[in-house]
Amino acid sequence: MLTFPRFDSHSKLRTLAVLTSGGDAPGMNAAIRAIVRYGLTRGCQVYGVLRGYRGLLDNQMIQLNTSSVANLIQRGGTLLKTDRCDAFYEKKFRKIAAQNLKNRGIEGLVTIGGDGTFAAAHLMSKETGFPILGVPGTIDNDIAETEDTIGFDTAVNTAIEAIDRIRDTASSHDRIFLVEVMGHSSGFIALQVAMGGGAETVILPEKKISIPTICKTIERGIQRGKTSSIIVVAEGPKPGLSSRISEALMKYGYSSRVCILGHTQRGGDPTTHDRVLASVLGASAVGYLLAEKSNAMVGVQNDQVVLVPFTQIFRKKKKLPTSLIDLAQVLAS
């Protein structure tokens, strides 16, 4: 079980802000709630920045209290809204954002999001000295130096529920279904869903698989008496991957249907796992800020909350365990 660190420091920091940036992830609201309520108990005022980094530039901030985050833990999406702010690629705008925070008397910032969110936070903190900590919130679970990210568990369970329903139809009509899940360059969702859903094949960005190999997998199932197959596909960087695979399979005599789950994986009520994870990481970010830590992410390693410098995260790419990929193939054979 994930544990919560002890924080005994007494910081001069008395006002902090929180924002969500990039793609939304189930559990972001739970993290916001934890940041607000834990911050208040530590004697801090807490502000919410609306629409991510765009809100920093536009000075869109609201003060939050216990009532502001009531009945929030179970809600998907993000109370504070989110946006992708291209202006933040320029140094002058990062400087403006830091000054806007200082003008309001805000002394620390918590950013909830993924790699892009952390890259912007790192540059702003490095250039301006403003204290910033990151909380990993992304359904892709592709951030290095943390074993888990807010929203991943919910996205996997949403996809599993869909596959269980699709399998009923696939079985009833003796069909092959290609079920496409999110994952531009990361196959964490696809692999988990394929294993949990008993898929016959999984298509991952990390490991190439040929059409003839997919056909052999289908044929082995037919020889065992199977009349339907589920193939899980990580969407990949280019749209339409599942449709291209379906067309290629047709050339080998295998007719298939494509089901793209898309943004249904982002929405919905977060699982208990994501609610607890978000609560612990959100409160931990406040604790570390008050301990005068900055330019880093709070993550999870071996069921412990850890503090990882942003620069350490950017140096490596989080890799799928090859042993799980191999096991998925064995179980599907």
Protein backbone atom coordinates (compact mmCIF):
# COMPACT_ATOMS: atom_id res chain seq x y z
CA MET A 1 0.00 0.00 0.00
CA LEU A 2 1.22 3.48 -0.87
CA THR A 3 2.48 5.35 2.18
CA PHE A 4 2.46 9.06 2.92
CA PRO A 5 5.76 10.77 3.88
CA ARG A 6 6.19 12.62 7.18
CA PHE A 7 6.65 16.36 6.85
CA ASP A 8 7.81 18.18 9.96
CA SER A 9 9.31 21.29 8.36
CA HIS A 10 8.08 24.79 9.11
CA SER A 11 8.28 26.88 5.96
CA LYS A 12 7.72 30.57 5.45
CA LEU A 13 5.66 29.72 2.37
CA ARG A 14 2.06 30.68 3.04
CA THR A 15 0.43 30.96 -0.38
CA LEU A 16 0.51 28.42 -3.20
CA ALA A 17 -1.27 27.70 -6.46
CA VAL A 18 -2.21 24.60 -8.44
CA LEU A 19 -2.89 24.06 -12.14
CA THR A 20 -3.68 21.18 -14.48
CA SER A 21 -2.14 21.09 -17.94
CA GLY A 22 -2.17 18.91 -21.06
CA GLY A 23 -4.65 16.07 -21.46
CA ASP A 24 -7.08 15.55 -18.61
CA ALA A 25 -6.85 12.37 -16.55
CA PRO A 26 -9.33 10.82 -14.10
CA GLY A 27 -8.13 11.64 -10.61
CA MET A 28 -6.91 15.16 -11.31
CA ASN A 29 -9.78 16.52 -9.24
CA ALA A 30 -8.81 14.26 -6.35
CA ALA A 31 -5.28 15.69 -6.51
CA ILE A 32 -6.62 19.27 -6.54
CA ARG A 33 -8.78 18.45 -3.52
CA ALA A 34 -5.81 17.02 -1.61
CA ILE A 35 -3.59 20.00 -2.44
CA VAL A 36 -6.23 22.44 -1.23
CA ARG A 37 -7.19 20.65 1.97
CA TYR A 38 -3.68 19.63 3.01
CA GLY A 39 -2.42 23.11 2.18
CA LEU A 40 -5.10 24.69 4.34
CA THR A 41 -4.24 22.46 7.29
CA ARG A 42 -0.61 23.60 6.98
CA GLY A 43 -1.68 27.23 7.22
CA CYS A 44 -1.52 28.07 3.51
CA GLN A 45 -3.83 29.94 1.20
CA VAL A 46 -4.42 28.03 -2.03
CA TYR A 47 -5.25 29.40 -5.46
CA GLY A 48 -6.41 27.51 -8.52
CA VAL A 49 -5.09 28.57 -11.95
CA LEU A 50 -7.74 28.20 -14.65
CA ARG A 51 -6.85 26.54 -17.98
CA GLY A 52 -3.29 25.56 -17.18
CA TYR A 53 -0.34 27.68 -18.25
CA ARG A 54 -2.68 29.81 -20.35
CA GLY A 55 -4.34 30.88 -17.11
CA LEU A 56 -0.97 31.94 -15.68
CA LEU A 57 -0.45 34.30 -18.60
CA ASP A 58 -4.03 35.60 -18.54
CA ASN A 59 -4.00 36.01 -14.75
CA GLN A 60 -7.01 33.73 -14.33
CA MET A 61 -6.76 32.53 -10.74
CA ILE A 62 -9.33 31.89 -8.04
CA GLN A 63 -8.87 31.34 -4.32
CA LEU A 64 -9.94 27.87 -3.20
CA ASN A 65 -11.19 26.65 0.17
CA THR A 66 -12.56 23.45 1.67
CA SER A 67 -16.01 24.08 0.20
CA SER A 68 -14.52 24.71 -3.27
CA VAL A 69 -13.41 21.08 -3.47
CA ALA A 70 -16.37 19.42 -1.75
CA ASN A 71 -17.82 16.41 -3.62
CA LEU A 72 -14.90 16.58 -6.04
CA ILE A 73 -12.93 13.39 -5.38
CA GLN A 74 -15.27 11.19 -7.44
CA ARG A 75 -15.51 13.47 -10.48
CA GLY A 76 -13.54 12.93 -13.67
CA GLY A 77 -11.97 15.73 -15.68
CA THR A 78 -10.52 18.76 -13.92
CA LEU A 79 -12.29 21.51 -12.00
CA LEU A 80 -9.60 23.97 -13.09
CA LYS A 81 -9.90 23.13 -16.81
CA THR A 82 -6.82 22.50 -18.93
CA ASP A 83 -5.15 23.80 -22.06
CA ARG A 84 -2.02 23.42 -24.17
CA CYS A 85 -0.27 26.80 -24.21
CA ASP A 86 2.13 27.22 -27.13
CA ALA A 87 3.23 30.63 -25.83
CA PHE A 88 4.98 28.89 -22.96
CA TYR A 89 7.64 27.68 -25.38
CA GLU A 90 9.02 31.24 -25.26
CA LYS A 91 11.11 32.37 -22.31
CA LYS A 92 9.56 35.83 -22.09
CA PHE A 93 6.11 34.36 -21.41
CA ARG A 94 7.44 32.04 -18.69
CA LYS A 95 8.88 35.12 -17.01
CA ILE A 96 5.51 36.88 -17.24
CA ALA A 97 3.79 33.86 -15.70
CA ALA A 98 6.16 33.83 -12.72
CA GLN A 99 5.68 37.55 -12.20
CA ASN A 100 1.88 37.18 -12.30
CA LEU A 101 2.13 34.65 -9.49
CA LYS A 102 4.41 36.89 -7.44
CA ASN A 103 2.12 39.88 -7.95
CA ARG A 104 -0.66 37.93 -6.23
CA GLY A 105 1.64 36.98 -3.38
CA ILE A 106 1.80 33.34 -4.46
CA GLU A 107 5.05 31.69 -3.39
CA GLY A 108 4.83 28.15 -4.79
CA LEU A 109 3.15 26.23 -7.62
CA VAL A 110 2.00 22.63 -8.10
CA THR A 111 1.54 21.49 -11.70
CA ILE A 112 -0.47 18.35 -12.50
CA GLY A 113 0.15 16.77 -15.90
CA GLY A 114 2.61 14.85 -18.05
CA ASP A 115 5.95 15.33 -19.78
CA GLY A 116 4.98 18.57 -21.52
CA THR A 117 3.66 20.03 -18.29
CA PHE A 118 6.88 19.13 -16.49
CA ALA A 119 9.11 20.48 -19.26
CA ALA A 120 7.41 23.88 -18.96
CA ALA A 121 7.59 23.76 -15.16
CA HIS A 122 11.30 22.92 -15.25
CA LEU A 123 12.15 25.81 -17.55
CA MET A 124 10.08 28.30 -15.59
CA SER A 125 11.60 27.24 -12.27
CA LYS A 126 15.14 27.19 -13.66
CA GLU A 127 14.88 30.59 -15.33
CA THR A 128 12.95 32.48 -12.64
CA GLY A 129 13.75 30.60 -9.45
CA PHE A 130 10.05 30.19 -8.72
CA PRO A 131 9.36 27.07 -6.56
CA ILE A 132 7.46 24.46 -8.61
CA LEU A 133 6.66 20.78 -8.03
CA GLY A 134 4.96 18.39 -10.44
CA VAL A 135 2.35 15.69 -9.88
CA PRO A 136 2.17 13.00 -12.63
CA GLY A 137 -1.31 13.03 -14.13
CA THR A 138 -1.57 11.16 -17.46
CA ILE A 139 -3.49 8.08 -18.55
CA ASP A 140 -0.51 6.89 -20.61
CA ASN A 141 1.66 6.07 -17.56
CA ASP A 142 4.69 6.99 -19.68
CA ILE A 143 6.59 9.25 -17.25
CA ALA A 144 10.01 7.97 -16.24
CA GLU A 145 11.00 7.52 -12.59
CA THR A 146 7.46 6.81 -11.38
CA GLU A 147 5.75 3.44 -11.48
CA ASP A 148 2.28 4.93 -11.61
CA THR A 149 0.50 8.03 -12.85
CA ILE A 150 -2.90 9.47 -12.00
CA GLY A 151 -5.55 8.28 -14.47
CA PHE A 152 -3.80 5.18 -15.79
CA ASP A 153 -5.77 2.67 -13.70
CA THR A 154 -9.09 4.27 -14.62
CA ALA A 155 -8.25 4.32 -18.35
CA VAL A 156 -7.28 0.64 -18.27
CA ASN A 157 -10.46 -0.36 -16.45
CA THR A 158 -12.59 1.69 -18.86
CA ALA A 159 -10.99 -0.09 -21.82
CA ILE A 160 -11.37 -3.51 -20.16
CA GLU A 161 -15.09 -2.94 -19.68
CA ALA A 162 -15.41 -2.05 -23.36
CA ILE A 163 -13.48 -5.13 -24.48
CA ASP A 164 -15.63 -7.42 -22.33
CA ARG A 165 -18.69 -6.07 -24.16
CA ILE A 166 -17.07 -6.22 -27.58
CA ARG A 167 -16.07 -9.84 -27.01
CA ASP A 168 -19.75 -10.76 -26.57
CA THR A 169 -20.51 -9.35 -30.01
CA ALA A 170 -17.35 -10.85 -31.54
CA SER A 171 -18.36 -14.27 -30.24
CA SER A 172 -21.97 -13.94 -31.35
CA HIS A 173 -20.99 -13.02 -34.91
CA ASP A 174 -17.76 -15.04 -35.23
CA ARG A 175 -15.75 -11.90 -35.91
CA ILE A 176 -12.31 -10.42 -35.48
CA PHE A 177 -12.27 -7.09 -33.67
CA LEU A 178 -9.45 -4.57 -33.64
CA VAL A 179 -9.88 -2.51 -30.45
CA GLU A 180 -7.81 0.67 -30.51
CA VAL A 181 -6.75 2.23 -27.21
CA MET A 182 -4.79 5.39 -26.50
CA GLY A 183 -1.00 5.45 -26.61
CA HIS A 184 0.86 7.53 -29.22
CA SER A 185 4.31 6.31 -28.31
CA SER A 186 3.64 4.18 -25.25
CA GLY A 187 1.99 0.78 -25.02
CA PHE A 188 1.30 0.66 -21.27
CA ILE A 189 -2.49 0.89 -21.69
CA ALA A 190 -2.54 -1.55 -24.61
CA LEU A 191 -0.45 -4.19 -22.83
CA GLN A 192 -2.45 -4.03 -19.60
CA VAL A 193 -5.73 -4.15 -21.48
CA ALA A 194 -4.61 -7.01 -23.72
CA MET A 195 -3.54 -9.12 -20.76
CA GLY A 196 -6.56 -8.26 -18.62
CA GLY A 197 -8.98 -8.71 -21.51
CA GLY A 198 -7.51 -11.97 -22.78
CA ALA A 199 -6.75 -10.56 -26.22
CA GLU A 200 -5.28 -12.85 -28.85
CA THR A 201 -2.80 -10.21 -30.07
CA VAL A 202 -1.53 -6.82 -28.95
CA ILE A 203 0.02 -4.19 -31.24
CA LEU A 204 2.53 -1.99 -29.39
CA PRO A 205 4.65 1.01 -30.43
CA GLU A 206 7.58 -0.61 -28.61
CA LYS A 207 7.54 -3.87 -30.56
CA LYS A 208 6.84 -4.31 -34.25
CA ILE A 209 4.69 -7.19 -35.42
CA SER A 210 4.04 -8.14 -39.02
CA ILE A 211 0.67 -8.80 -40.62
CA PRO A 212 1.61 -12.44 -41.40
CA THR A 213 2.44 -12.92 -37.70
CA ILE A 214 -0.96 -11.55 -36.71
CA CYS A 215 -2.58 -13.89 -39.22
CA LYS A 216 -0.74 -16.87 -37.72
CA THR A 217 -2.10 -15.95 -34.30
CA ILE A 218 -5.63 -15.82 -35.67
CA GLU A 219 -5.15 -19.13 -37.47
CA ARG A 220 -3.88 -20.85 -34.32
CA GLY A 221 -7.04 -19.77 -32.56
CA ILE A 222 -9.20 -21.12 -35.38
CA GLN A 223 -7.39 -24.47 -35.19
CA ARG A 224 -8.24 -24.62 -31.48
CA GLY A 225 -11.89 -24.06 -32.31
CA LYS A 226 -12.08 -20.31 -31.71
CA THR A 227 -14.49 -18.43 -33.94
CA SER A 228 -13.61 -14.89 -32.84
CA SER A 229 -10.53 -12.87 -31.91
CA ILE A 230 -9.75 -9.63 -30.09
CA ILE A 231 -6.69 -7.66 -31.18
CA VAL A 232 -5.73 -4.70 -29.00
CA VAL A 233 -3.99 -1.85 -30.83
CA ALA A 234 -2.13 1.10 -29.31
CA GLU A 235 -3.14 4.03 -31.53
CA GLY A 236 0.44 5.03 -32.43
CA PRO A 237 1.65 8.41 -33.70
CA LYS A 238 -0.30 8.36 -36.97
CA PRO A 239 -4.13 8.24 -37.05
CA GLY A 240 -5.86 5.27 -38.64
CA LEU A 241 -3.51 2.46 -37.62
CA SER A 242 -6.33 0.03 -36.81
CA SER A 243 -8.02 0.69 -40.15
CA ARG A 244 -4.75 0.08 -42.01
CA ILE A 245 -4.26 -3.20 -40.16
CA SER A 246 -7.84 -4.21 -40.94
CA GLU A 247 -7.30 -3.55 -44.64
CA ALA A 248 -4.08 -5.55 -44.59
CA LEU A 249 -5.77 -8.48 -42.87
CA MET A 250 -8.47 -8.48 -45.58
CA LYS A 251 -5.78 -9.16 -48.17
CA TYR A 252 -5.00 -12.36 -46.28
CA GLY A 253 -8.65 -13.34 -46.19
CA TYR A 254 -9.50 -12.18 -42.67
CA SER A 255 -12.44 -9.81 -42.32
CA SER A 256 -12.38 -7.62 -39.20
CA ARG A 257 -14.17 -4.78 -37.47
CA VAL A 258 -12.51 -1.72 -35.93
CA CYS A 259 -13.58 -0.20 -32.62
CA ILE A 260 -11.73 2.97 -31.51
CA LEU A 261 -12.26 3.71 -27.83
CA GLY A 262 -10.73 7.19 -28.10
CA HIS A 263 -11.46 9.79 -25.45
CA THR A 264 -13.85 7.56 -23.51
CA GLN A 265 -10.66 6.44 -21.73
CA ARG A 266 -10.03 9.95 -20.40
CA GLY A 267 -13.46 10.56 -18.90
CA GLY A 268 -15.53 9.00 -16.18
CA ASP A 269 -15.25 8.58 -12.45
CA PRO A 270 -11.74 7.68 -11.28
CA THR A 271 -11.17 4.29 -9.69
CA THR A 272 -10.43 4.00 -5.98
CA HIS A 273 -6.79 3.39 -6.88
CA ASP A 274 -6.52 6.67 -8.78
CA ARG A 275 -8.37 8.60 -6.07
CA VAL A 276 -5.98 7.40 -3.38
CA LEU A 277 -2.90 7.84 -5.59
CA ALA A 278 -3.93 11.40 -6.47
CA SER A 279 -4.69 12.25 -2.85
CA VAL A 280 -1.30 11.03 -1.61
CA LEU A 281 0.72 12.63 -4.42
CA GLY A 282 -1.17 15.93 -4.21
CA ALA A 283 -0.66 16.26 -0.48
CA SER A 284 2.98 15.15 -0.82
CA ALA A 285 3.63 17.91 -3.36
CA VAL A 286 2.45 20.49 -0.83
CA GLY A 287 4.57 18.91 1.89
CA TYR A 288 7.70 19.02 -0.26
CA LEU A 289 7.01 22.62 -1.31
CA LEU A 290 6.81 23.58 2.36
CA ALA A 291 10.08 21.72 2.86
CA GLU A 292 11.53 24.12 0.27
CA LYS A 293 11.94 21.52 -2.49
CA SER A 294 11.51 22.63 -6.11
CA ASN A 295 11.97 21.79 -9.80
CA ALA A 296 11.02 18.16 -9.23
CA MET A 297 8.19 15.62 -9.48
CA VAL A 298 6.58 13.56 -6.74
CA GLY A 299 6.37 9.98 -7.97
CA VAL A 300 5.97 6.39 -6.81
CA GLN A 301 8.69 3.77 -6.45
CA ASN A 302 8.20 0.52 -4.51
CA ASP A 303 5.02 1.87 -2.88
CA GLN A 304 6.93 4.86 -1.57
CA VAL A 305 6.48 8.51 -2.51
CA VAL A 306 9.73 9.81 -3.97
CA LEU A 307 10.95 13.21 -5.12
CA VAL A 308 12.63 13.14 -8.53
CA PRO A 309 14.32 16.17 -10.18
CA PHE A 310 12.71 17.08 -13.49
CA THR A 311 16.06 16.78 -15.25
CA GLN A 312 16.30 13.13 -14.21
CA ILE A 313 12.90 12.40 -15.75
CA PHE A 314 13.84 13.90 -19.11
CA ARG A 315 17.01 11.82 -19.45
CA LYS A 316 15.23 8.54 -20.05
CA LYS A 317 12.16 6.99 -21.61
CA LYS A 318 9.95 4.75 -19.52
CA LYS A 319 10.06 1.27 -21.03
CA LEU A 320 7.52 -1.52 -21.06
CA PRO A 321 8.75 -4.59 -19.17
CA THR A 322 9.83 -7.04 -21.88
CA SER A 323 8.90 -9.92 -19.58
CA LEU A 324 5.25 -8.77 -19.61
CA ILE A 325 5.27 -8.48 -23.40
CA ASP A 326 6.60 -12.03 -23.65
CA LEU A 327 4.07 -13.30 -21.11
CA ALA A 328 1.20 -11.67 -23.01
CA GLN A 329 2.25 -13.57 -26.13
CA VAL A 330 2.49 -16.85 -24.24
CA LEU A 331 -0.93 -16.48 -22.64
CA ALA A 332 -2.50 -15.60 -26.00
CA SER A 333 -1.01 -18.59 -27.82
